[in-house]
């Protein structure tokens, strides 16, 4: 292994071979004593079987790990998501579950940010006083629009 890319880091594919894409130009492999000094772990042999030809090599990644569009930055919505559910019952205890469930429901189109603004967040269910079950309304204040959240598992459901 030589280096690594991080989530959302840009990479250019110069060529593909099967399931692999070359993401760097060929460069000096820094071979000393038949081993590349750039290889962090794994096979460092400076030979063609290891992708090193004439002292040059390139870095490859699996094609399935590349995307044509850059994923959105999770940090952009994190603070906003927390504001949407900040008035939830037991917010301090379940803040991560509340904001994660809210974001998923919004991204799936089941709820809008306006639903959470109107409700102020998740409300503790009195029907399940001993369990961390909360609810919210998405699309109107009717029983048919009530969505429950089990804060211990993150599962949302309708009764």
Protein backbone atom coordinates (compact mmCIF):
# COMPACT_ATOMS: atom_id res chain seq x y z
CA UNK A 1 0.00 0.00 0.00
CA UNK A 2 1.25 3.43 -0.93
CA UNK A 3 -0.66 6.28 0.75
CA UNK A 4 -4.43 6.55 0.83
CA UNK A 5 -7.26 8.74 -0.32
CA UNK A 6 -9.74 10.13 2.17
CA UNK A 7 -13.52 10.42 1.87
CA UNK A 8 -14.42 13.27 -0.54
CA UNK A 9 -10.80 13.69 -1.72
CA UNK A 10 -10.60 14.25 -5.47
CA UNK A 11 -8.83 11.72 -7.71
CA UNK A 12 -8.36 11.66 -11.47
CA UNK A 13 -8.60 8.35 -13.29
CA UNK A 14 -5.92 8.14 -15.99
CA UNK A 15 -6.86 4.63 -17.14
CA UNK A 16 -8.83 1.59 -16.04
CA UNK A 17 -8.03 -2.10 -16.18
CA UNK A 18 -10.85 -4.34 -15.08
CA UNK A 19 -11.92 -3.29 -11.58
CA UNK A 20 -8.94 -0.97 -11.09
CA UNK A 21 -8.30 2.69 -12.00
CA UNK A 22 -4.89 4.35 -12.14
CA UNK A 23 -5.12 7.60 -10.17
CA UNK A 24 -1.56 8.91 -10.46
CA UNK A 25 0.90 9.45 -13.26
CA UNK A 26 3.81 7.05 -13.24
CA UNK A 27 6.62 8.22 -10.99
CA UNK A 28 9.91 7.07 -9.49
CA UNK A 29 9.42 4.09 -7.17
CA UNK A 30 12.52 4.98 -5.13
CA UNK A 31 13.92 1.44 -5.37
CA UNK A 32 16.79 0.72 -3.01
CA UNK A 33 18.11 -2.82 -2.72
CA UNK A 34 15.24 -4.13 -4.87
CA UNK A 35 12.54 -2.64 -2.58
CA UNK A 36 10.47 0.54 -3.00
CA UNK A 37 10.83 2.99 -0.14
CA UNK A 38 7.33 4.37 -0.90
CA UNK A 39 5.40 1.20 -0.06
CA UNK A 40 3.85 1.64 3.40
CA UNK A 41 2.85 -1.98 3.82
CA UNK A 42 2.63 -5.08 1.67
CA UNK A 43 4.81 -6.22 -1.19
CA UNK A 44 7.56 -3.64 -1.80
CA UNK A 45 9.51 -5.63 -4.42
CA UNK A 46 10.63 -3.53 -7.38
CA UNK A 47 9.52 -5.78 -10.23
CA UNK A 48 6.92 -5.89 -13.01
CA UNK A 49 4.75 -8.37 -11.10
CA UNK A 50 4.36 -5.68 -8.47
CA UNK A 51 3.58 -2.90 -10.98
CA UNK A 52 7.08 -1.39 -11.03
CA UNK A 53 8.66 -1.15 -14.47
CA UNK A 54 11.94 0.65 -15.19
CA UNK A 55 11.90 1.97 -11.61
CA UNK A 56 8.49 3.65 -12.13
CA UNK A 57 5.06 2.87 -10.71
CA UNK A 58 1.61 4.36 -10.31
CA UNK A 59 -1.11 4.16 -7.70
CA UNK A 60 -4.36 2.29 -8.41
CA UNK A 61 -7.72 2.14 -6.61
CA UNK A 62 -10.80 0.03 -7.12
CA UNK A 63 -13.19 1.65 -9.62
CA UNK A 64 -16.17 1.04 -7.32
CA UNK A 65 -14.63 3.37 -4.72
CA UNK A 66 -14.67 6.31 -7.15
CA UNK A 67 -17.62 8.59 -7.89
CA UNK A 68 -18.20 11.08 -10.71
CA UNK A 69 -19.86 13.47 -8.26
CA UNK A 70 -18.31 14.53 -5.02
CA UNK A 71 -20.35 13.41 -1.99
CA UNK A 72 -21.76 16.25 0.05
CA UNK A 73 -19.87 17.30 3.13
CA UNK A 74 -21.59 15.76 6.17
CA UNK A 75 -20.44 18.71 8.27
CA UNK A 76 -22.56 21.12 6.23
CA UNK A 77 -25.81 19.77 7.63
CA UNK A 78 -24.63 18.50 11.02
CA UNK A 79 -25.07 21.77 12.91
CA UNK A 80 -28.32 22.52 11.12
CA UNK A 81 -29.65 19.02 11.87
CA UNK A 82 -28.93 19.47 15.55
CA UNK A 83 -30.80 22.80 15.58
CA UNK A 84 -33.83 21.07 14.03
CA UNK A 85 -34.09 18.65 16.96
CA UNK A 86 -32.61 20.75 19.78
CA UNK A 87 -35.99 21.12 21.51
CA UNK A 88 -36.60 17.37 21.61
CA UNK A 89 -37.47 15.69 24.89
CA UNK A 90 -34.30 14.16 26.41
CA UNK A 91 -32.16 15.93 23.79
CA UNK A 92 -28.93 15.65 25.78
CA UNK A 93 -29.35 11.92 26.20
CA UNK A 94 -30.28 11.09 22.60
CA UNK A 95 -28.95 13.98 20.50
CA UNK A 96 -27.06 11.77 18.03
CA UNK A 97 -30.00 9.43 17.46
CA UNK A 98 -32.38 12.39 17.07
CA UNK A 99 -30.32 14.29 14.50
CA UNK A 100 -29.36 11.12 12.59
CA UNK A 101 -32.98 9.98 12.30
CA UNK A 102 -34.11 13.48 11.32
CA UNK A 103 -31.53 13.71 8.53
CA UNK A 104 -32.46 10.27 7.18
CA UNK A 105 -36.18 11.08 7.18
CA UNK A 106 -35.52 14.38 5.40
CA UNK A 107 -33.16 12.81 2.85
CA UNK A 108 -35.68 10.02 2.18
CA UNK A 109 -38.42 12.63 1.58
CA UNK A 110 -40.60 11.39 4.44
CA UNK A 111 -40.23 14.62 6.42
CA UNK A 112 -39.22 18.18 5.72
CA UNK A 113 -37.07 20.50 7.76
CA UNK A 114 -40.27 22.50 8.27
CA UNK A 115 -41.87 19.51 10.02
CA UNK A 116 -39.05 19.47 12.56
CA UNK A 117 -39.13 23.26 12.95
CA UNK A 118 -42.87 23.16 13.58
CA UNK A 119 -42.64 20.30 16.11
CA UNK A 120 -39.36 21.42 17.66
CA UNK A 121 -38.05 17.88 17.54
CA UNK A 122 -38.88 14.48 18.97
CA UNK A 123 -41.54 14.06 21.69
CA UNK A 124 -41.37 11.29 24.31
CA UNK A 125 -44.09 8.71 23.84
CA UNK A 126 -46.20 8.30 26.99
CA UNK A 127 -47.34 4.90 25.69
CA UNK A 128 -43.79 3.56 26.21
CA UNK A 129 -42.60 5.31 29.38
CA UNK A 130 -39.83 2.78 30.14
CA UNK A 131 -38.38 2.67 26.63
CA UNK A 132 -36.67 5.45 24.64
CA UNK A 133 -39.52 5.78 22.12
CA UNK A 134 -40.17 9.24 20.65
CA UNK A 135 -42.42 10.52 17.90
CA UNK A 136 -42.85 13.36 15.46
CA UNK A 137 -45.33 14.34 12.77
CA UNK A 138 -44.30 14.60 9.15
CA UNK A 139 -46.76 16.06 6.66
CA UNK A 140 -49.46 17.08 9.12
CA UNK A 141 -50.57 16.61 12.72
CA UNK A 142 -52.55 13.41 12.23
CA UNK A 143 -51.98 9.92 13.58
CA UNK A 144 -51.34 8.72 10.02
CA UNK A 145 -48.40 11.15 9.83
CA UNK A 146 -46.86 10.14 13.16
CA UNK A 147 -43.38 8.62 12.93
CA UNK A 148 -41.79 6.92 15.90
CA UNK A 149 -38.11 6.59 16.74
CA UNK A 150 -36.52 4.01 19.01
CA UNK A 151 -33.57 6.09 20.19
CA UNK A 152 -31.73 3.00 21.45
CA UNK A 153 -31.56 1.47 17.95
CA UNK A 154 -32.15 4.43 15.62
CA UNK A 155 -35.07 2.58 13.98
CA UNK A 156 -37.98 4.69 12.78
CA UNK A 157 -41.43 3.18 12.27
CA UNK A 158 -45.15 3.87 12.05
CA UNK A 159 -47.78 2.01 14.07
